[in-house]
Amino acid sequence: MIGKLKGIVDAVGEAHAIIDVGGVGYEVQASARTLRNLAPGEPVSLAIETHVREDAIRLFGFTSEVERAWFRLLQTIQGVGAKVALAVLGTLSPQDLANAIALQNWAAVEQSPGVGKKLAQRIVAELKDKAPALSAAGLNVPVASAKGGRAAVDDNATAEAISALTNLGYQPAQASQAVAAAMAELGQAADTAKLIRRGLKELAR
């Protein structure tokens, strides 16, 4: 099974990219968000999810391990296949998705192509207890170019804050919701300490 591809972007289509690895072109399906960050001729490293079926082998590419983990998690929801999972990740960054789930903001998820109100509500409801563990797992280290550097800092601060609140005895879902509220109020530039302080205030209400 292919878990990672490192090569040169050969071409970028509407729903996929061709990655040249040692003269072999791999067709990799990806979210719109990921494809926007790829440019022909540029080096790239993608985390890969391989789906093997009787009639085809499909590769799905992600700029970070946490994005791939979300792709897998989303597909545990009834009615969410690979196409819908990519649509959600193309609309919301992993952190935005985590915030939407923590705040039960199904309307944000509903903005994704192919996702209706009922499915969006099911996603935020069923992932409420699973998402915090993923956010705090420390998986959000990008494997692609430095373009995602700022996002990685934001994600790490959020994950560290959730982890700290969890270590203080709060449930992961509670900690995630508090940090999401803190992030919404303080903005993406907030560091871990500020998120923890604001999160504690939120939990004390």
C-alpha atoms as a PDB file:
ATOM      1  CA  MET A   1       0.000   0.000   0.000  1.00  0.00           C
ATOM      2  CA  ILE A   2       1.224   3.485  -0.831  1.00  0.00           C
ATOM      3  CA  GLY A   3       1.329   5.778   2.227  1.00  0.00           C
ATOM      4  CA  LYS A   4       3.338   8.713   0.884  1.00  0.00           C
ATOM      5  CA  LEU A   5       4.426  10.183  -2.449  1.00  0.00           C
ATOM      6  CA  LYS A   6       7.296  12.623  -2.861  1.00  0.00           C
ATOM      7  CA  GLY A   7       7.968  13.986  -6.316  1.00  0.00           C
ATOM      8  CA  ILE A   8       7.195  16.751  -8.797  1.00  0.00           C
ATOM      9  CA  VAL A   9       3.727  18.003  -9.695  1.00  0.00           C
ATOM     10  CA  ASP A  10       3.274  17.133 -13.362  1.00  0.00           C
ATOM     11  CA  ALA A  11      -0.306  18.399 -13.848  1.00  0.00           C
ATOM     12  CA  VAL A  12      -3.272  19.606 -11.825  1.00  0.00           C
ATOM     13  CA  GLY A  13      -6.880  18.872 -12.842  1.00  0.00           C
ATOM     14  CA  GLU A  14     -10.237  19.741 -11.313  1.00  0.00           C
ATOM     15  CA  ALA A  15     -10.272  16.801  -8.923  1.00  0.00           C
ATOM     16  CA  HIS A  16      -6.826  15.236  -9.195  1.00  0.00           C
ATOM     17  CA  ALA A  17      -3.130  15.850  -9.751  1.00  0.00           C
ATOM     18  CA  ILE A  18      -0.428  13.847 -11.493  1.00  0.00           C
ATOM     19  CA  ILE A  19       2.649  13.428  -9.310  1.00  0.00           C
ATOM     20  CA  ASP A  20       5.853  12.402 -11.111  1.00  0.00           C
ATOM     21  CA  VAL A  21       7.912  10.128  -8.899  1.00  0.00           C
ATOM     22  CA  GLY A  22      11.061   8.947 -10.618  1.00  0.00           C
ATOM     23  CA  GLY A  23       9.472   9.135 -14.065  1.00  0.00           C
ATOM     24  CA  VAL A  24       6.245   7.389 -13.028  1.00  0.00           C
ATOM     25  CA  GLY A  25       3.116   9.541 -12.963  1.00  0.00           C
ATOM     26  CA  TYR A  26       0.678   8.780 -10.150  1.00  0.00           C
ATOM     27  CA  GLU A  27      -2.884  10.078 -10.442  1.00  0.00           C
ATOM     28  CA  VAL A  28      -3.848  11.356  -7.005  1.00  0.00           C
ATOM     29  CA  GLN A  29      -7.325  12.566  -6.114  1.00  0.00           C
ATOM     30  CA  ALA A  30      -7.374  15.430  -3.643  1.00  0.00           C
ATOM     31  CA  SER A  31      -9.579  18.099  -2.130  1.00  0.00           C
ATOM     32  CA  ALA A  32      -9.991  21.473  -3.819  1.00  0.00           C
ATOM     33  CA  ARG A  33      -8.021  23.022  -0.944  1.00  0.00           C
ATOM     34  CA  THR A  34      -5.061  20.705  -1.539  1.00  0.00           C
ATOM     35  CA  LEU A  35      -5.151  21.129  -5.318  1.00  0.00           C
ATOM     36  CA  ARG A  36      -5.050  24.933  -4.984  1.00  0.00           C
ATOM     37  CA  ASN A  37      -1.682  24.594  -3.248  1.00  0.00           C
ATOM     38  CA  LEU A  38      -0.149  22.509  -6.024  1.00  0.00           C
ATOM     39  CA  ALA A  39       1.561  23.954  -9.086  1.00  0.00           C
ATOM     40  CA  PRO A  40       3.104  22.098 -12.050  1.00  0.00           C
ATOM     41  CA  GLY A  41       6.865  21.807 -11.785  1.00  0.00           C
ATOM     42  CA  GLU A  42       6.961  22.247  -8.011  1.00  0.00           C
ATOM     43  CA  PRO A  43       8.194  19.554  -5.613  1.00  0.00           C
ATOM     44  CA  VAL A  44       5.550  18.089  -3.319  1.00  0.00           C
ATOM     45  CA  SER A  45       5.185  15.493  -0.594  1.00  0.00           C
ATOM     46  CA  LEU A  46       1.719  14.084   0.044  1.00  0.00           C
ATOM     47  CA  ALA A  47       0.330  11.690   2.625  1.00  0.00           C
ATOM     48  CA  ILE A  48      -1.549   9.036   0.638  1.00  0.00           C
ATOM     49  CA  GLU A  49      -4.634   6.965   1.411  1.00  0.00           C
ATOM     50  CA  THR A  50      -4.873   3.953  -0.916  1.00  0.00           C
ATOM     51  CA  HIS A  51      -8.247   2.404  -1.737  1.00  0.00           C
ATOM     52  CA  VAL A  52      -8.013  -0.982  -3.437  1.00  0.00           C
ATOM     53  CA  ARG A  53     -11.091  -2.354  -5.188  1.00  0.00           C
ATOM     54  CA  GLU A  54     -11.696  -5.130  -7.662  1.00  0.00           C
ATOM     55  CA  ASP A  55     -11.772  -2.793 -10.625  1.00  0.00           C
ATOM     56  CA  ALA A  56      -9.394  -0.021  -9.565  1.00  0.00           C
ATOM     57  CA  ILE A  57      -6.746   1.292  -7.217  1.00  0.00           C
ATOM     58  CA  ARG A  58      -7.406   4.895  -6.158  1.00  0.00           C
ATOM     59  CA  LEU A  59      -4.923   7.197  -4.463  1.00  0.00           C
ATOM     60  CA  PHE A  60      -6.056  10.134  -2.310  1.00  0.00           C
ATOM     61  CA  GLY A  61      -3.492  12.783  -1.409  1.00  0.00           C
ATOM     62  CA  PHE A  62      -3.280  15.096   1.609  1.00  0.00           C
ATOM     63  CA  THR A  63      -0.906  17.851   2.654  1.00  0.00           C
ATOM     64  CA  SER A  64      -0.822  16.644   6.273  1.00  0.00           C
ATOM     65  CA  GLU A  65      -1.294  13.484   8.288  1.00  0.00           C
ATOM     66  CA  VAL A  66      -4.130  15.100  10.235  1.00  0.00           C
ATOM     67  CA  GLU A  67      -6.019  15.819   7.006  1.00  0.00           C
ATOM     68  CA  ARG A  68      -5.711  12.155   6.031  1.00  0.00           C
ATOM     69  CA  ALA A  69      -6.931  11.148   9.498  1.00  0.00           C
ATOM     70  CA  TRP A  70      -9.995  13.384   9.064  1.00  0.00           C
ATOM     71  CA  PHE A  71     -10.621  11.791   5.658  1.00  0.00           C
ATOM     72  CA  ARG A  72     -10.740   8.382   7.310  1.00  0.00           C
ATOM     73  CA  LEU A  73     -12.853   9.576  10.236  1.00  0.00           C
ATOM     74  CA  LEU A  74     -15.434  11.277   8.044  1.00  0.00           C
ATOM     75  CA  GLN A  75     -16.036   8.048   6.156  1.00  0.00           C
ATOM     76  CA  THR A  76     -17.115   6.311   9.366  1.00  0.00           C
ATOM     77  CA  ILE A  77     -20.321   8.350   9.093  1.00  0.00           C
ATOM     78  CA  GLN A  78     -23.210   6.751   7.209  1.00  0.00           C
ATOM     79  CA  GLY A  79     -23.699   8.531   3.895  1.00  0.00           C
ATOM     80  CA  VAL A  80     -20.125   9.858   3.700  1.00  0.00           C
ATOM     81  CA  GLY A  81     -17.911   8.305   1.039  1.00  0.00           C
ATOM     82  CA  ALA A  82     -14.573   9.400  -0.341  1.00  0.00           C
ATOM     83  CA  LYS A  83     -16.120  12.040  -2.617  1.00  0.00           C
ATOM     84  CA  VAL A  84     -18.088  13.725   0.171  1.00  0.00           C
ATOM     85  CA  ALA A  85     -15.159  13.515   2.588  1.00  0.00           C
ATOM     86  CA  LEU A  86     -12.944  15.316   0.050  1.00  0.00           C
ATOM     87  CA  ALA A  87     -15.674  17.915  -0.498  1.00  0.00           C
ATOM     88  CA  VAL A  88     -15.811  18.650   3.242  1.00  0.00           C
ATOM     89  CA  LEU A  89     -12.012  18.913   3.490  1.00  0.00           C
ATOM     90  CA  GLY A  90     -11.992  21.130   0.410  1.00  0.00           C
ATOM     91  CA  THR A  91     -14.396  23.534   2.108  1.00  0.00           C
ATOM     92  CA  LEU A  92     -13.091  23.430   5.690  1.00  0.00           C
ATOM     93  CA  SER A  93      -9.524  23.117   6.921  1.00  0.00           C
ATOM     94  CA  PRO A  94      -8.967  20.392   9.539  1.00  0.00           C
ATOM     95  CA  GLN A  95      -9.007  23.061  12.261  1.00  0.00           C
ATOM     96  CA  ASP A  96     -12.171  24.709  10.916  1.00  0.00           C
ATOM     97  CA  LEU A  97     -13.827  21.292  10.796  1.00  0.00           C
ATOM     98  CA  ALA A  98     -12.751  20.532  14.361  1.00  0.00           C
ATOM     99  CA  ASN A  99     -14.169  23.881  15.489  1.00  0.00           C
ATOM    100  CA  ALA A 100     -17.441  23.294  13.638  1.00  0.00           C
ATOM    101  CA  ILE A 101     -17.842  19.899  15.327  1.00  0.00           C
ATOM    102  CA  ALA A 102     -16.901  21.234  18.764  1.00  0.00           C
ATOM    103  CA  LEU A 103     -19.440  24.064  18.448  1.00  0.00           C
ATOM    104  CA  GLN A 104     -21.991  21.767  16.744  1.00  0.00           C
ATOM    105  CA  ASN A 105     -22.022  24.249  13.856  1.00  0.00           C
ATOM    106  CA  TRP A 106     -23.567  21.981  11.230  1.00  0.00           C
ATOM    107  CA  ALA A 107     -24.260  24.976   8.979  1.00  0.00           C
ATOM    108  CA  ALA A 108     -20.519  25.338   8.321  1.00  0.00           C
ATOM    109  CA  VAL A 109     -20.292  21.693   7.251  1.00  0.00           C
ATOM    110  CA  GLU A 110     -23.391  22.093   5.084  1.00  0.00           C
ATOM    111  CA  GLN A 111     -21.469  24.557   2.881  1.00  0.00           C
ATOM    112  CA  SER A 112     -19.585  21.580   1.411  1.00  0.00           C
ATOM    113  CA  PRO A 113     -20.744  20.432  -2.068  1.00  0.00           C
ATOM    114  CA  GLY A 114     -22.979  17.380  -1.833  1.00  0.00           C
ATOM    115  CA  VAL A 115     -23.662  17.796   1.897  1.00  0.00           C
ATOM    116  CA  GLY A 116     -27.250  18.512   2.906  1.00  0.00           C
ATOM    117  CA  LYS A 117     -28.611  19.665   6.237  1.00  0.00           C
ATOM    118  CA  LYS A 118     -29.348  16.180   7.610  1.00  0.00           C
ATOM    119  CA  LEU A 119     -25.924  14.812   6.694  1.00  0.00           C
ATOM    120  CA  ALA A 120     -24.172  17.873   8.125  1.00  0.00           C
ATOM    121  CA  GLN A 121     -26.088  17.454  11.380  1.00  0.00           C
ATOM    122  CA  ARG A 122     -25.176  13.757  11.477  1.00  0.00           C
ATOM    123  CA  ILE A 123     -21.484  14.532  10.943  1.00  0.00           C
ATOM    124  CA  VAL A 124     -21.185  17.052  13.789  1.00  0.00           C
ATOM    125  CA  ALA A 125     -23.310  14.923  16.131  1.00  0.00           C
ATOM    126  CA  GLU A 126     -21.538  11.606  15.571  1.00  0.00           C
ATOM    127  CA  LEU A 127     -18.014  13.038  15.557  1.00  0.00           C
ATOM    128  CA  LYS A 128     -18.451  15.180  18.667  1.00  0.00           C
ATOM    129  CA  ASP A 129     -16.676  12.658  20.899  1.00  0.00           C
ATOM    130  CA  LYS A 130     -14.183  11.385  18.310  1.00  0.00           C
ATOM    131  CA  ALA A 131     -12.875  14.688  16.955  1.00  0.00           C
ATOM    132  CA  PRO A 132     -11.219  16.027  20.155  1.00  0.00           C
ATOM    133  CA  ALA A 133      -8.932  13.002  20.400  1.00  0.00           C
ATOM    134  CA  LEU A 134      -7.850  13.554  16.809  1.00  0.00           C
ATOM    135  CA  SER A 135      -7.246  17.271  17.376  1.00  0.00           C
ATOM    136  CA  ALA A 136      -5.139  16.591  20.456  1.00  0.00           C
ATOM    137  CA  ALA A 137      -3.232  13.667  18.991  1.00  0.00           C
ATOM    138  CA  GLY A 138      -0.414  15.813  17.677  1.00  0.00           C
ATOM    139  CA  LEU A 139      -0.924  14.522  14.129  1.00  0.00           C
ATOM    140  CA  ASN A 140      -1.132  17.980  12.574  1.00  0.00           C
ATOM    141  CA  VAL A 141       2.403  18.227  11.234  1.00  0.00           C
ATOM    142  CA  PRO A 142       2.390  19.118   7.526  1.00  0.00           C
ATOM    143  CA  VAL A 143       4.251  16.861   5.139  1.00  0.00           C
ATOM    144  CA  ALA A 144       4.024  19.249   2.196  1.00  0.00           C
ATOM    145  CA  SER A 145       5.658  22.576   1.401  1.00  0.00           C
ATOM    146  CA  ALA A 146       6.262  25.431   3.800  1.00  0.00           C
ATOM    147  CA  LYS A 147       3.094  27.136   2.519  1.00  0.00           C
ATOM    148  CA  GLY A 148       1.191  25.517   5.363  1.00  0.00           C
ATOM    149  CA  GLY A 149       3.596  26.703   8.050  1.00  0.00           C
ATOM    150  CA  ARG A 150       1.273  29.234   9.651  1.00  0.00           C
ATOM    151  CA  ALA A 151      -1.602  26.790   9.739  1.00  0.00           C
ATOM    152  CA  ALA A 152       0.624  24.249  11.460  1.00  0.00           C
ATOM    153  CA  VAL A 153       1.423  26.744  14.216  1.00  0.00           C
ATOM    154  CA  ASP A 154      -2.277  27.455  14.738  1.00  0.00           C
ATOM    155  CA  ASP A 155      -3.165  23.764  14.745  1.00  0.00           C
ATOM    156  CA  ASN A 156      -0.384  22.914  17.193  1.00  0.00           C
ATOM    157  CA  ALA A 157      -1.459  25.666  19.608  1.00  0.00           C
ATOM    158  CA  THR A 158      -5.030  24.373  19.478  1.00  0.00           C
ATOM    159  CA  ALA A 159      -3.992  20.753  19.973  1.00  0.00           C
ATOM    160  CA  GLU A 160      -1.720  21.691  22.885  1.00  0.00           C
ATOM    161  CA  ALA A 161      -4.483  23.705  24.541  1.00  0.00           C
ATOM    162  CA  ILE A 162      -6.983  20.825  24.202  1.00  0.00           C
ATOM    163  CA  SER A 163      -4.398  18.406  25.559  1.00  0.00           C
ATOM    164  CA  ALA A 164      -3.652  20.700  28.537  1.00  0.00           C
ATOM    165  CA  LEU A 165      -7.327  21.069  29.449  1.00  0.00           C
ATOM    166  CA  THR A 166      -7.811  17.317  29.104  1.00  0.00           C
ATOM    167  CA  ASN A 167      -4.868  16.749  31.455  1.00  0.00           C
ATOM    168  CA  LEU A 168      -6.592  19.024  33.972  1.00  0.00           C
ATOM    169  CA  GLY A 169      -9.453  16.554  34.099  1.00  0.00           C
ATOM    170  CA  TYR A 170     -11.915  17.932  31.558  1.00  0.00           C
ATOM    171  CA  GLN A 171     -13.535  15.589  29.037  1.00  0.00           C
ATOM    172  CA  PRO A 172     -12.019  15.815  25.525  1.00  0.00           C
ATOM    173  CA  ALA A 173     -15.328  17.004  24.072  1.00  0.00           C
ATOM    174  CA  GLN A 174     -15.597  19.749  26.722  1.00  0.00           C
ATOM    175  CA  ALA A 175     -11.983  20.808  26.192  1.00  0.00           C
ATOM    176  CA  SER A 176     -12.381  20.895  22.424  1.00  0.00           C
ATOM    177  CA  GLN A 177     -15.541  22.985  22.628  1.00  0.00           C
ATOM    178  CA  ALA A 178     -13.910  25.454  25.038  1.00  0.00           C
ATOM    179  CA  VAL A 179     -10.815  25.857  22.867  1.00  0.00           C
ATOM    180  CA  ALA A 180     -12.948  26.254  19.746  1.00  0.00           C
ATOM    181  CA  ALA A 181     -14.856  29.063  21.469  1.00  0.00           C
ATOM    182  CA  ALA A 182     -11.554  30.625  22.546  1.00  0.00           C
ATOM    183  CA  MET A 183     -10.195  30.434  19.011  1.00  0.00           C
ATOM    184  CA  ALA A 184     -13.347  32.041  17.625  1.00  0.00           C
ATOM    185  CA  GLU A 185     -12.965  34.944  20.056  1.00  0.00           C
ATOM    186  CA  LEU A 186      -9.178  35.416  20.056  1.00  0.00           C
ATOM    187  CA  GLY A 187      -8.470  34.666  16.397  1.00  0.00           C
ATOM    188  CA  GLN A 188      -5.996  32.412  14.595  1.00  0.00           C
ATOM    189  CA  ALA A 189      -2.968  34.230  16.056  1.00  0.00           C
ATOM    190  CA  ALA A 190      -3.720  33.162  19.639  1.00  0.00           C
ATOM    191  CA  ASP A 191      -0.953  31.130  21.288  1.00  0.00           C
ATOM    192  CA  THR A 192      -1.386  28.077  23.500  1.00  0.00           C
ATOM    193  CA  ALA A 193      -1.323  29.975  26.813  1.00  0.00           C
ATOM    194  CA  LYS A 194      -4.030  32.421  25.724  1.00  0.00           C
ATOM    195  CA  LEU A 195      -6.211  29.590  24.428  1.00  0.00           C
ATOM    196  CA  ILE A 196      -5.869  27.716  27.718  1.00  0.00           C
ATOM    197  CA  ARG A 197      -6.739  30.785  29.815  1.00  0.00           C
ATOM    198  CA  ARG A 198      -9.757  31.654  27.673  1.00  0.00           C
ATOM    199  CA  GLY A 199     -10.778  28.000  27.540  1.00  0.00           C
ATOM    200  CA  LEU A 200     -10.740  27.763  31.328  1.00  0.00           C
ATOM    201  CA  LYS A 201     -12.992  30.810  31.547  1.00  0.00           C
ATOM    202  CA  GLU A 202     -15.372  29.173  29.093  1.00  0.00           C
ATOM    203  CA  LEU A 203     -15.419  25.961  31.135  1.00  0.00           C
ATOM    204  CA  ALA A 204     -16.035  27.870  34.371  1.00  0.00           C
ATOM    205  CA  ARG A 205     -19.335  29.312  33.089  1.00  0.00           C
END
